[in-house]
């Protein structure tokens, strides 16, 4: 939630590396498998 909030406030792009598909569904715009 902190990363999402800071991204909105600062306008930065985020490259998120994760195993958690639940996190992907909630936070990502695009996905590279």
ModelCIF file with pLDDT and N, C-alpha, C, O atoms, coordinates in Angstrom:
data_MODEL
#
_entry.id   MODEL 
#
_entity.id                         1 
_entity.type                       polymer 
_entity.pdbx_number_of_molecules   1 
#
_entity_poly.entity_id                      1 
_entity_poly.type                           'polypeptide(L)' 
_entity_poly.nstd_linkage                   no 
_entity_poly.nstd_monomer                   no 
_entity_poly.pdbx_seq_one_letter_code       
;(UNK)(UNK)(UNK)(UNK)(UNK)(UNK)(UNK)(UNK)(UNK)(UNK)(UNK)(UNK)(UNK)(UNK)(UNK)(UNK)
(UNK)(UNK)(UNK)(UNK)(UNK)(UNK)(UNK)(UNK)(UNK)(UNK)(UNK)(UNK)(UNK)(UNK)(UNK)(UNK)
(UNK)
;
_entity_poly.pdbx_seq_one_letter_code_can   XXXXXXXXXXXXXXXXXXXXXXXXXXXXXXXXX 
_entity_poly.pdbx_strand_id                 A 
#
loop_
_entity_poly_seq.entity_id 
_entity_poly_seq.num 
_entity_poly_seq.mon_id 
_entity_poly_seq.hetero 
1 1  UNK n 
1 2  UNK n 
1 3  UNK n 
1 4  UNK n 
1 5  UNK n 
1 6  UNK n 
1 7  UNK n 
1 8  UNK n 
1 9  UNK n 
1 10 UNK n 
1 11 UNK n 
1 12 UNK n 
1 13 UNK n 
1 14 UNK n 
1 15 UNK n 
1 16 UNK n 
1 17 UNK n 
1 18 UNK n 
1 19 UNK n 
1 20 UNK n 
1 21 UNK n 
1 22 UNK n 
1 23 UNK n 
1 24 UNK n 
1 25 UNK n 
1 26 UNK n 
1 27 UNK n 
1 28 UNK n 
1 29 UNK n 
1 30 UNK n 
1 31 UNK n 
1 32 UNK n 
1 33 UNK n 
#
_struct_asym.id          A 
_struct_asym.entity_id   1 
#
loop_
_ma_qa_metric.id 
_ma_qa_metric.mode 
_ma_qa_metric.name 
_ma_qa_metric.software_group_id 
_ma_qa_metric.type 
1 global pLDDT . pLDDT 
2 local  pLDDT . pLDDT 
#
_ma_qa_metric_global.metric_id      1 
_ma_qa_metric_global.metric_value   89.39 
_ma_qa_metric_global.model_id       1 
_ma_qa_metric_global.ordinal_id     1 
#
loop_
_ma_qa_metric_local.label_asym_id 
_ma_qa_metric_local.label_comp_id 
_ma_qa_metric_local.label_seq_id 
_ma_qa_metric_local.metric_id 
_ma_qa_metric_local.metric_value 
_ma_qa_metric_local.model_id 
_ma_qa_metric_local.ordinal_id 
A UNK 1  2 86.00 1 1  
A UNK 2  2 83.00 1 2  
A UNK 3  2 86.00 1 3  
A UNK 4  2 87.00 1 4  
A UNK 5  2 86.00 1 5  
A UNK 6  2 84.00 1 6  
A UNK 7  2 89.00 1 7  
A UNK 8  2 87.00 1 8  
A UNK 9  2 85.00 1 9  
A UNK 10 2 84.00 1 10 
A UNK 11 2 86.00 1 11 
A UNK 12 2 91.00 1 12 
A UNK 13 2 94.00 1 13 
A UNK 14 2 94.00 1 14 
A UNK 15 2 95.00 1 15 
A UNK 16 2 94.00 1 16 
A UNK 17 2 94.00 1 17 
A UNK 18 2 89.00 1 18 
A UNK 19 2 84.00 1 19 
A UNK 20 2 84.00 1 20 
A UNK 21 2 88.00 1 21 
A UNK 22 2 85.00 1 22 
A UNK 23 2 86.00 1 23 
A UNK 24 2 91.00 1 24 
A UNK 25 2 90.00 1 25 
A UNK 26 2 87.00 1 26 
A UNK 27 2 89.00 1 27 
A UNK 28 2 93.00 1 28 
A UNK 29 2 94.00 1 29 
A UNK 30 2 96.00 1 30 
A UNK 31 2 96.00 1 31 
A UNK 32 2 97.00 1 32 
A UNK 33 2 96.00 1 33 
#
loop_
_atom_site.group_PDB 
_atom_site.id 
_atom_site.type_symbol 
_atom_site.label_atom_id 
_atom_site.label_alt_id 
_atom_site.label_comp_id 
_atom_site.label_asym_id 
_atom_site.label_entity_id 
_atom_site.label_seq_id 
_atom_site.pdbx_PDB_ins_code 
_atom_site.Cartn_x 
_atom_site.Cartn_y 
_atom_site.Cartn_z 
_atom_site.occupancy 
_atom_site.B_iso_or_equiv 
_atom_site.pdbx_formal_charge 
_atom_site.auth_seq_id 
_atom_site.auth_comp_id 
_atom_site.auth_asym_id 
_atom_site.auth_atom_id 
_atom_site.pdbx_PDB_model_num 
ATOM 1   N N  . UNK A 1 1  ? 0.833  -1.200  0.000   1.00 86.00 ? 1  UNK A N  1 
ATOM 2   C CA . UNK A 1 1  ? 0.000  0.000   0.000   1.00 86.00 ? 1  UNK A CA 1 
ATOM 3   C C  . UNK A 1 1  ? 0.870  1.253   0.000   1.00 86.00 ? 1  UNK A C  1 
ATOM 4   O O  . UNK A 1 1  ? 0.548  2.245   -0.654  1.00 86.00 ? 1  UNK A O  1 
ATOM 5   N N  . UNK A 1 2  ? 1.973  1.196   0.741   1.00 83.00 ? 2  UNK A N  1 
ATOM 6   C CA . UNK A 1 2  ? 2.910  2.321   0.760   1.00 83.00 ? 2  UNK A CA 1 
ATOM 7   C C  . UNK A 1 2  ? 3.465  2.581   -0.635  1.00 83.00 ? 2  UNK A C  1 
ATOM 8   O O  . UNK A 1 2  ? 3.503  3.729   -1.076  1.00 83.00 ? 2  UNK A O  1 
ATOM 9   N N  . UNK A 1 3  ? 3.895  1.536   -1.339  1.00 86.00 ? 3  UNK A N  1 
ATOM 10  C CA . UNK A 1 3  ? 4.445  1.688   -2.688  1.00 86.00 ? 3  UNK A CA 1 
ATOM 11  C C  . UNK A 1 3  ? 3.397  2.270   -3.638  1.00 86.00 ? 3  UNK A C  1 
ATOM 12  O O  . UNK A 1 3  ? 3.702  3.135   -4.459  1.00 86.00 ? 3  UNK A O  1 
ATOM 13  N N  . UNK A 1 4  ? 2.156  1.784   -3.515  1.00 87.00 ? 4  UNK A N  1 
ATOM 14  C CA . UNK A 1 4  ? 1.088  2.307   -4.371  1.00 87.00 ? 4  UNK A CA 1 
ATOM 15  C C  . UNK A 1 4  ? 0.847  3.795   -4.105  1.00 87.00 ? 4  UNK A C  1 
ATOM 16  O O  . UNK A 1 4  ? 0.673  4.580   -5.038  1.00 87.00 ? 4  UNK A O  1 
ATOM 17  N N  . UNK A 1 5  ? 0.839  4.169   -2.840  1.00 86.00 ? 5  UNK A N  1 
ATOM 18  C CA . UNK A 1 5  ? 0.597  5.565   -2.483  1.00 86.00 ? 5  UNK A CA 1 
ATOM 19  C C  . UNK A 1 5  ? 1.730  6.463   -2.980  1.00 86.00 ? 5  UNK A C  1 
ATOM 20  O O  . UNK A 1 5  ? 1.486  7.530   -3.543  1.00 86.00 ? 5  UNK A O  1 
ATOM 21  N N  . UNK A 1 6  ? 2.961  6.024   -2.767  1.00 84.00 ? 6  UNK A N  1 
ATOM 22  C CA . UNK A 1 6  ? 4.107  6.820   -3.196  1.00 84.00 ? 6  UNK A CA 1 
ATOM 23  C C  . UNK A 1 6  ? 4.170  6.933   -4.717  1.00 84.00 ? 6  UNK A C  1 
ATOM 24  O O  . UNK A 1 6  ? 4.564  7.968   -5.256  1.00 84.00 ? 6  UNK A O  1 
ATOM 25  N N  . UNK A 1 7  ? 3.781  5.866   -5.399  1.00 89.00 ? 7  UNK A N  1 
ATOM 26  C CA . UNK A 1 7  ? 3.761  5.932   -6.857  1.00 89.00 ? 7  UNK A CA 1 
ATOM 27  C C  . UNK A 1 7  ? 2.768  6.991   -7.338  1.00 89.00 ? 7  UNK A C  1 
ATOM 28  O O  . UNK A 1 7  ? 3.054  7.752   -8.263  1.00 89.00 ? 7  UNK A O  1 
ATOM 29  N N  . UNK A 1 8  ? 1.598  7.028   -6.697  1.00 87.00 ? 8  UNK A N  1 
ATOM 30  C CA . UNK A 1 8  ? 0.597  8.036   -7.077  1.00 87.00 ? 8  UNK A CA 1 
ATOM 31  C C  . UNK A 1 8  ? 1.104  9.438   -6.773  1.00 87.00 ? 8  UNK A C  1 
ATOM 32  O O  . UNK A 1 8  ? 0.916  10.352  -7.576  1.00 87.00 ? 8  UNK A O  1 
ATOM 33  N N  . UNK A 1 9  ? 1.741  9.616   -5.629  1.00 85.00 ? 9  UNK A N  1 
ATOM 34  C CA . UNK A 1 9  ? 2.187  10.947  -5.221  1.00 85.00 ? 9  UNK A CA 1 
ATOM 35  C C  . UNK A 1 9  ? 3.371  11.443  -6.041  1.00 85.00 ? 9  UNK A C  1 
ATOM 36  O O  . UNK A 1 9  ? 3.458  12.629  -6.357  1.00 85.00 ? 9  UNK A O  1 
ATOM 37  N N  . UNK A 1 10 ? 4.284  10.532  -6.387  1.00 84.00 ? 10 UNK A N  1 
ATOM 38  C CA . UNK A 1 10 ? 5.521  10.933  -7.055  1.00 84.00 ? 10 UNK A CA 1 
ATOM 39  C C  . UNK A 1 10 ? 5.463  10.749  -8.571  1.00 84.00 ? 10 UNK A C  1 
ATOM 40  O O  . UNK A 1 10 ? 6.306  11.289  -9.287  1.00 84.00 ? 10 UNK A O  1 
ATOM 41  N N  . UNK A 1 11 ? 4.479  9.992   -9.071  1.00 86.00 ? 11 UNK A N  1 
ATOM 42  C CA . UNK A 1 11 ? 4.325  9.798   -10.507 1.00 86.00 ? 11 UNK A CA 1 
ATOM 43  C C  . UNK A 1 11 ? 5.378  8.923   -11.148 1.00 86.00 ? 11 UNK A C  1 
ATOM 44  O O  . UNK A 1 11 ? 5.608  9.020   -12.353 1.00 86.00 ? 11 UNK A O  1 
ATOM 45  N N  . UNK A 1 12 ? 6.022  8.070   -10.369 1.00 91.00 ? 12 UNK A N  1 
ATOM 46  C CA . UNK A 1 12 ? 7.091  7.229   -10.922 1.00 91.00 ? 12 UNK A CA 1 
ATOM 47  C C  . UNK A 1 12 ? 6.518  5.933   -11.503 1.00 91.00 ? 12 UNK A C  1 
ATOM 48  O O  . UNK A 1 12 ? 5.403  5.527   -11.176 1.00 91.00 ? 12 UNK A O  1 
ATOM 49  N N  . UNK A 1 13 ? 7.309  5.297   -12.370 1.00 94.00 ? 13 UNK A N  1 
ATOM 50  C CA . UNK A 1 13 ? 6.987  3.969   -12.872 1.00 94.00 ? 13 UNK A CA 1 
ATOM 51  C C  . UNK A 1 13 ? 7.567  2.935   -11.909 1.00 94.00 ? 13 UNK A C  1 
ATOM 52  O O  . UNK A 1 13 ? 8.587  3.181   -11.265 1.00 94.00 ? 13 UNK A O  1 
ATOM 53  N N  . UNK A 1 14 ? 6.911  1.778   -11.816 1.00 94.00 ? 14 UNK A N  1 
ATOM 54  C CA . UNK A 1 14 ? 7.374  0.712   -10.933 1.00 94.00 ? 14 UNK A CA 1 
ATOM 55  C C  . UNK A 1 14 ? 7.533  -0.572  -11.723 1.00 94.00 ? 14 UNK A C  1 
ATOM 56  O O  . UNK A 1 14 ? 6.614  -1.003  -12.419 1.00 94.00 ? 14 UNK A O  1 
ATOM 57  N N  . UNK A 1 15 ? 8.715  -1.186  -11.610 1.00 95.00 ? 15 UNK A N  1 
ATOM 58  C CA . UNK A 1 15 ? 8.968  -2.511  -12.156 1.00 95.00 ? 15 UNK A CA 1 
ATOM 59  C C  . UNK A 1 15 ? 8.961  -3.466  -10.972 1.00 95.00 ? 15 UNK A C  1 
ATOM 60  O O  . UNK A 1 15 ? 9.915  -3.502  -10.196 1.00 95.00 ? 15 UNK A O  1 
ATOM 61  N N  . UNK A 1 16 ? 7.883  -4.244  -10.828 1.00 94.00 ? 16 UNK A N  1 
ATOM 62  C CA . UNK A 1 16 ? 7.666  -5.090  -9.658  1.00 94.00 ? 16 UNK A CA 1 
ATOM 63  C C  . UNK A 1 16 ? 7.984  -6.536  -9.998  1.00 94.00 ? 16 UNK A C  1 
ATOM 64  O O  . UNK A 1 16 ? 7.340  -7.135  -10.858 1.00 94.00 ? 16 UNK A O  1 
ATOM 65  N N  . UNK A 1 17 ? 8.981  -7.095  -9.318  1.00 94.00 ? 17 UNK A N  1 
ATOM 66  C CA . UNK A 1 17 ? 9.348  -8.497  -9.494  1.00 94.00 ? 17 UNK A CA 1 
ATOM 67  C C  . UNK A 1 17 ? 8.735  -9.273  -8.335  1.00 94.00 ? 17 UNK A C  1 
ATOM 68  O O  . UNK A 1 17 ? 8.995  -8.963  -7.173  1.00 94.00 ? 17 UNK A O  1 
ATOM 69  N N  . UNK A 1 18 ? 7.925  -10.277 -8.645  1.00 89.00 ? 18 UNK A N  1 
ATOM 70  C CA . UNK A 1 18 ? 7.210  -10.973 -7.579  1.00 89.00 ? 18 UNK A CA 1 
ATOM 71  C C  . UNK A 1 18 ? 6.832  -12.384 -7.993  1.00 89.00 ? 18 UNK A C  1 
ATOM 72  O O  . UNK A 1 18 ? 6.768  -12.710 -9.178  1.00 89.00 ? 18 UNK A O  1 
ATOM 73  N N  . UNK A 1 19 ? 6.579  -13.229 -6.965  1.00 84.00 ? 19 UNK A N  1 
ATOM 74  C CA . UNK A 1 19 ? 5.995  -14.551 -7.187  1.00 84.00 ? 19 UNK A CA 1 
ATOM 75  C C  . UNK A 1 19 ? 4.489  -14.531 -6.931  1.00 84.00 ? 19 UNK A C  1 
ATOM 76  O O  . UNK A 1 19 ? 3.779  -15.466 -7.303  1.00 84.00 ? 19 UNK A O  1 
ATOM 77  N N  . UNK A 1 20 ? 4.012  -13.475 -6.304  1.00 84.00 ? 20 UNK A N  1 
ATOM 78  C CA . UNK A 1 20 ? 2.653  -13.435 -5.784  1.00 84.00 ? 20 UNK A CA 1 
ATOM 79  C C  . UNK A 1 20 ? 1.682  -12.894 -6.830  1.00 84.00 ? 20 UNK A C  1 
ATOM 80  O O  . UNK A 1 20 ? 1.663  -11.694 -7.105  1.00 84.00 ? 20 UNK A O  1 
ATOM 81  N N  . UNK A 1 21 ? 0.875  -13.783 -7.412  1.00 88.00 ? 21 UNK A N  1 
ATOM 82  C CA . UNK A 1 21 ? -0.059 -13.355 -8.450  1.00 88.00 ? 21 UNK A CA 1 
ATOM 83  C C  . UNK A 1 21 ? -1.195 -12.519 -7.874  1.00 88.00 ? 21 UNK A C  1 
ATOM 84  O O  . UNK A 1 21 ? -1.808 -11.735 -8.598  1.00 88.00 ? 21 UNK A O  1 
ATOM 85  N N  . UNK A 1 22 ? -1.484 -12.671 -6.590  1.00 85.00 ? 22 UNK A N  1 
ATOM 86  C CA . UNK A 1 22 ? -2.472 -11.811 -5.953  1.00 85.00 ? 22 UNK A CA 1 
ATOM 87  C C  . UNK A 1 22 ? -2.016 -10.369 -5.945  1.00 85.00 ? 22 UNK A C  1 
ATOM 88  O O  . UNK A 1 22 ? -2.811 -9.461  -6.189  1.00 85.00 ? 22 UNK A O  1 
ATOM 89  N N  . UNK A 1 23 ? -0.733 -10.149 -5.664  1.00 86.00 ? 23 UNK A N  1 
ATOM 90  C CA . UNK A 1 23 ? -0.158 -8.805  -5.700  1.00 86.00 ? 23 UNK A CA 1 
ATOM 91  C C  . UNK A 1 23 ? -0.225 -8.247  -7.120  1.00 86.00 ? 23 UNK A C  1 
ATOM 92  O O  . UNK A 1 23 ? -0.529 -7.071  -7.318  1.00 86.00 ? 23 UNK A O  1 
ATOM 93  N N  . UNK A 1 24 ? 0.061  -9.095  -8.102  1.00 91.00 ? 24 UNK A N  1 
ATOM 94  C CA . UNK A 1 24 ? 0.007  -8.669  -9.503  1.00 91.00 ? 24 UNK A CA 1 
ATOM 95  C C  . UNK A 1 24 ? -1.395 -8.189  -9.861  1.00 91.00 ? 24 UNK A C  1 
ATOM 96  O O  . UNK A 1 24 ? -1.555 -7.137  -10.478 1.00 91.00 ? 24 UNK A O  1 
ATOM 97  N N  . UNK A 1 25 ? -2.411 -8.962  -9.473  1.00 90.00 ? 25 UNK A N  1 
ATOM 98  C CA . UNK A 1 25 ? -3.794 -8.616  -9.812  1.00 90.00 ? 25 UNK A CA 1 
ATOM 99  C C  . UNK A 1 25 ? -4.202 -7.280  -9.210  1.00 90.00 ? 25 UNK A C  1 
ATOM 100 O O  . UNK A 1 25 ? -4.980 -6.540  -9.812  1.00 90.00 ? 25 UNK A O  1 
ATOM 101 N N  . UNK A 1 26 ? -3.682 -6.965  -8.025  1.00 87.00 ? 26 UNK A N  1 
ATOM 102 C CA . UNK A 1 26 ? -4.083 -5.751  -7.325  1.00 87.00 ? 26 UNK A CA 1 
ATOM 103 C C  . UNK A 1 26 ? -3.306 -4.510  -7.759  1.00 87.00 ? 26 UNK A C  1 
ATOM 104 O O  . UNK A 1 26 ? -3.838 -3.401  -7.703  1.00 87.00 ? 26 UNK A O  1 
ATOM 105 N N  . UNK A 1 27 ? -2.054 -4.682  -8.190  1.00 89.00 ? 27 UNK A N  1 
ATOM 106 C CA . UNK A 1 27 ? -1.197 -3.506  -8.365  1.00 89.00 ? 27 UNK A CA 1 
ATOM 107 C C  . UNK A 1 27 ? -0.724 -3.248  -9.792  1.00 89.00 ? 27 UNK A C  1 
ATOM 108 O O  . UNK A 1 27 ? -0.403 -2.106  -10.120 1.00 89.00 ? 27 UNK A O  1 
ATOM 109 N N  . UNK A 1 28 ? -0.670 -4.262  -10.649 1.00 93.00 ? 28 UNK A N  1 
ATOM 110 C CA . UNK A 1 28 ? -0.004 -4.107  -11.944 1.00 93.00 ? 28 UNK A CA 1 
ATOM 111 C C  . UNK A 1 28 ? -0.930 -3.582  -13.034 1.00 93.00 ? 28 UNK A C  1 
ATOM 112 O O  . UNK A 1 28 ? -2.143 -3.782  -12.991 1.00 93.00 ? 28 UNK A O  1 
ATOM 113 N N  . UNK A 1 29 ? -0.329 -2.904  -14.013 1.00 94.00 ? 29 UNK A N  1 
ATOM 114 C CA . UNK A 1 29 ? -1.027 -2.506  -15.237 1.00 94.00 ? 29 UNK A CA 1 
ATOM 115 C C  . UNK A 1 29 ? -0.774 -3.510  -16.355 1.00 94.00 ? 29 UNK A C  1 
ATOM 116 O O  . UNK A 1 29 ? -1.673 -3.861  -17.118 1.00 94.00 ? 29 UNK A O  1 
ATOM 117 N N  . UNK A 1 30 ? 0.493  -3.969  -16.430 1.00 96.00 ? 30 UNK A N  1 
ATOM 118 C CA . UNK A 1 30 ? 0.871  -4.982  -17.418 1.00 96.00 ? 30 UNK A CA 1 
ATOM 119 C C  . UNK A 1 30 ? 1.712  -6.055  -16.738 1.00 96.00 ? 30 UNK A C  1 
ATOM 120 O O  . UNK A 1 30 ? 2.266  -5.842  -15.660 1.00 96.00 ? 30 UNK A O  1 
ATOM 121 N N  . UNK A 1 31 ? 1.795  -7.219  -17.394 1.00 96.00 ? 31 UNK A N  1 
ATOM 122 C CA . UNK A 1 31 ? 2.493  -8.364  -16.816 1.00 96.00 ? 31 UNK A CA 1 
ATOM 123 C C  . UNK A 1 31 ? 3.434  -8.966  -17.851 1.00 96.00 ? 31 UNK A C  1 
ATOM 124 O O  . UNK A 1 31 ? 3.063  -9.155  -19.009 1.00 96.00 ? 31 UNK A O  1 
ATOM 125 N N  . UNK A 1 32 ? 4.658  -9.263  -17.418 1.00 97.00 ? 32 UNK A N  1 
ATOM 126 C CA . UNK A 1 32 ? 5.604  -10.032 -18.233 1.00 97.00 ? 32 UNK A CA 1 
ATOM 127 C C  . UNK A 1 32 ? 5.884  -11.338 -17.490 1.00 97.00 ? 32 UNK A C  1 
ATOM 128 O O  . UNK A 1 32 ? 6.425  -11.322 -16.385 1.00 97.00 ? 32 UNK A O  1 
ATOM 129 N N  . UNK A 1 33 ? 5.520  -12.454 -18.090 1.00 96.00 ? 33 UNK A N  1 
ATOM 130 C CA . UNK A 1 33 ? 5.727  -13.766 -17.479 1.00 96.00 ? 33 UNK A CA 1 
ATOM 131 C C  . UNK A 1 33 ? 7.028  -14.341 -18.031 1.00 96.00 ? 33 UNK A C  1 
ATOM 132 O O  . UNK A 1 33 ? 7.419  -15.449 -17.662 1.00 96.00 ? 33 UNK A O  1 
#
